[in-house]
């Protein structure tokens, strides 16, 4: 898979994470707890892939500070 496709997939993952975050805020909390937990799980997974895509795009310009920011975002 090419570098460009990985960056595009990372952007798509970030968009999906934003959509799921909006859906999570609309879903009532009195519903099944497992459904809400699964939505949050997928949101977090897509956020991680989105962060990886952003870092893949910006890693040469961001240098050492960008690397540490990336590590902090992944760990947090």
C-alpha atoms as a PDB file:
ATOM      1  CA  UNK A   1       0.000   0.000   0.000  1.00  0.00           C
ATOM      2  CA  UNK A   2       1.413   3.358  -0.949  1.00  0.00           C
ATOM      3  CA  UNK A   3       2.187   6.208   1.418  1.00  0.00           C
ATOM      4  CA  UNK A   4      -0.544   8.360  -0.130  1.00  0.00           C
ATOM      5  CA  UNK A   5      -3.216   5.720   0.420  1.00  0.00           C
ATOM      6  CA  UNK A   6      -2.245   5.334   4.072  1.00  0.00           C
ATOM      7  CA  UNK A   7      -2.576   9.078   4.595  1.00  0.00           C
ATOM      8  CA  UNK A   8      -5.978   9.100   2.886  1.00  0.00           C
ATOM      9  CA  UNK A   9      -7.189   6.196   5.005  1.00  0.00           C
ATOM     10  CA  UNK A  10      -5.991   8.022   8.121  1.00  0.00           C
ATOM     11  CA  UNK A  11      -8.030  11.059   7.091  1.00  0.00           C
ATOM     12  CA  UNK A  12     -11.060   8.869   6.453  1.00  0.00           C
ATOM     13  CA  UNK A  13     -10.616   7.303   9.893  1.00  0.00           C
ATOM     14  CA  UNK A  14     -10.519  10.777  11.464  1.00  0.00           C
ATOM     15  CA  UNK A  15     -13.738  11.738   9.658  1.00  0.00           C
ATOM     16  CA  UNK A  16     -15.449   8.528  10.785  1.00  0.00           C
ATOM     17  CA  UNK A  17     -14.295   9.154  14.359  1.00  0.00           C
ATOM     18  CA  UNK A  18     -15.874  12.606  14.248  1.00  0.00           C
ATOM     19  CA  UNK A  19     -19.138  11.198  12.923  1.00  0.00           C
ATOM     20  CA  UNK A  20     -19.185   8.480  15.578  1.00  0.00           C
ATOM     21  CA  UNK A  21     -18.445  11.057  18.269  1.00  0.00           C
ATOM     22  CA  UNK A  22     -21.538  12.969  17.144  1.00  0.00           C
ATOM     23  CA  UNK A  23     -23.627   9.796  17.129  1.00  0.00           C
ATOM     24  CA  UNK A  24     -22.401   8.992  20.636  1.00  0.00           C
ATOM     25  CA  UNK A  25     -23.656  12.335  21.891  1.00  0.00           C
ATOM     26  CA  UNK A  26     -27.112  11.794  20.362  1.00  0.00           C
ATOM     27  CA  UNK A  27     -27.661   8.212  21.573  1.00  0.00           C
ATOM     28  CA  UNK A  28     -29.593   8.248  24.862  1.00  0.00           C
ATOM     29  CA  UNK A  29     -27.796   6.820  27.878  1.00  0.00           C
ATOM     30  CA  UNK A  30     -30.772   4.703  28.938  1.00  0.00           C
ATOM     31  CA  UNK A  31     -30.212   2.325  26.005  1.00  0.00           C
ATOM     32  CA  UNK A  32     -28.185  -0.876  26.124  1.00  0.00           C
ATOM     33  CA  UNK A  33     -24.805  -0.166  27.693  1.00  0.00           C
ATOM     34  CA  UNK A  34     -22.987  -2.599  25.397  1.00  0.00           C
ATOM     35  CA  UNK A  35     -24.071  -0.663  22.300  1.00  0.00           C
ATOM     36  CA  UNK A  36     -22.745   2.588  23.746  1.00  0.00           C
ATOM     37  CA  UNK A  37     -19.485   0.896  24.766  1.00  0.00           C
ATOM     38  CA  UNK A  38     -19.024  -0.506  21.257  1.00  0.00           C
ATOM     39  CA  UNK A  39     -19.633   2.934  19.716  1.00  0.00           C
ATOM     40  CA  UNK A  40     -17.003   4.444  22.005  1.00  0.00           C
ATOM     41  CA  UNK A  41     -14.593   1.610  21.204  1.00  0.00           C
ATOM     42  CA  UNK A  42     -14.902   2.189  17.457  1.00  0.00           C
ATOM     43  CA  UNK A  43     -14.606   5.944  17.968  1.00  0.00           C
ATOM     44  CA  UNK A  44     -11.352   5.511  19.883  1.00  0.00           C
ATOM     45  CA  UNK A  45      -9.953   3.082  17.309  1.00  0.00           C
ATOM     46  CA  UNK A  46     -10.737   5.467  14.452  1.00  0.00           C
ATOM     47  CA  UNK A  47      -9.191   8.362  16.402  1.00  0.00           C
ATOM     48  CA  UNK A  48      -5.966   6.360  16.783  1.00  0.00           C
ATOM     49  CA  UNK A  49      -5.847   5.579  13.061  1.00  0.00           C
ATOM     50  CA  UNK A  50      -6.589   9.219  12.275  1.00  0.00           C
ATOM     51  CA  UNK A  51      -3.704  10.384  14.473  1.00  0.00           C
ATOM     52  CA  UNK A  52      -1.415   7.907  12.741  1.00  0.00           C
ATOM     53  CA  UNK A  53      -2.486   9.251   9.351  1.00  0.00           C
ATOM     54  CA  UNK A  54      -1.859  12.848  10.398  1.00  0.00           C
ATOM     55  CA  UNK A  55       1.571  11.958  11.746  1.00  0.00           C
ATOM     56  CA  UNK A  56       2.342  10.028   8.557  1.00  0.00           C
ATOM     57  CA  UNK A  57       1.599  13.177   6.585  1.00  0.00           C
ATOM     58  CA  UNK A  58       3.474  15.613   8.832  1.00  0.00           C
ATOM     59  CA  UNK A  59       6.355  13.548  10.225  1.00  0.00           C
ATOM     60  CA  UNK A  60       9.108  15.190   8.157  1.00  0.00           C
ATOM     61  CA  UNK A  61       8.042  18.741   8.984  1.00  0.00           C
ATOM     62  CA  UNK A  62       7.316  18.153  12.667  1.00  0.00           C
ATOM     63  CA  UNK A  63      10.660  16.499  13.507  1.00  0.00           C
ATOM     64  CA  UNK A  64      11.328  15.598  17.165  1.00  0.00           C
ATOM     65  CA  UNK A  65       8.577  17.720  18.759  1.00  0.00           C
ATOM     66  CA  UNK A  66       6.015  16.196  16.425  1.00  0.00           C
ATOM     67  CA  UNK A  67       7.193  12.714  17.299  1.00  0.00           C
ATOM     68  CA  UNK A  68       6.785  13.356  21.026  1.00  0.00           C
ATOM     69  CA  UNK A  69       3.374  14.898  20.446  1.00  0.00           C
ATOM     70  CA  UNK A  70       2.382  11.839  18.438  1.00  0.00           C
ATOM     71  CA  UNK A  71       3.555   9.488  21.204  1.00  0.00           C
ATOM     72  CA  UNK A  72       1.724  11.555  23.840  1.00  0.00           C
ATOM     73  CA  UNK A  73      -1.500  11.495  21.790  1.00  0.00           C
ATOM     74  CA  UNK A  74      -1.300   7.721  21.273  1.00  0.00           C
ATOM     75  CA  UNK A  75      -0.571   6.971  24.929  1.00  0.00           C
ATOM     76  CA  UNK A  76      -3.202   9.369  26.252  1.00  0.00           C
END
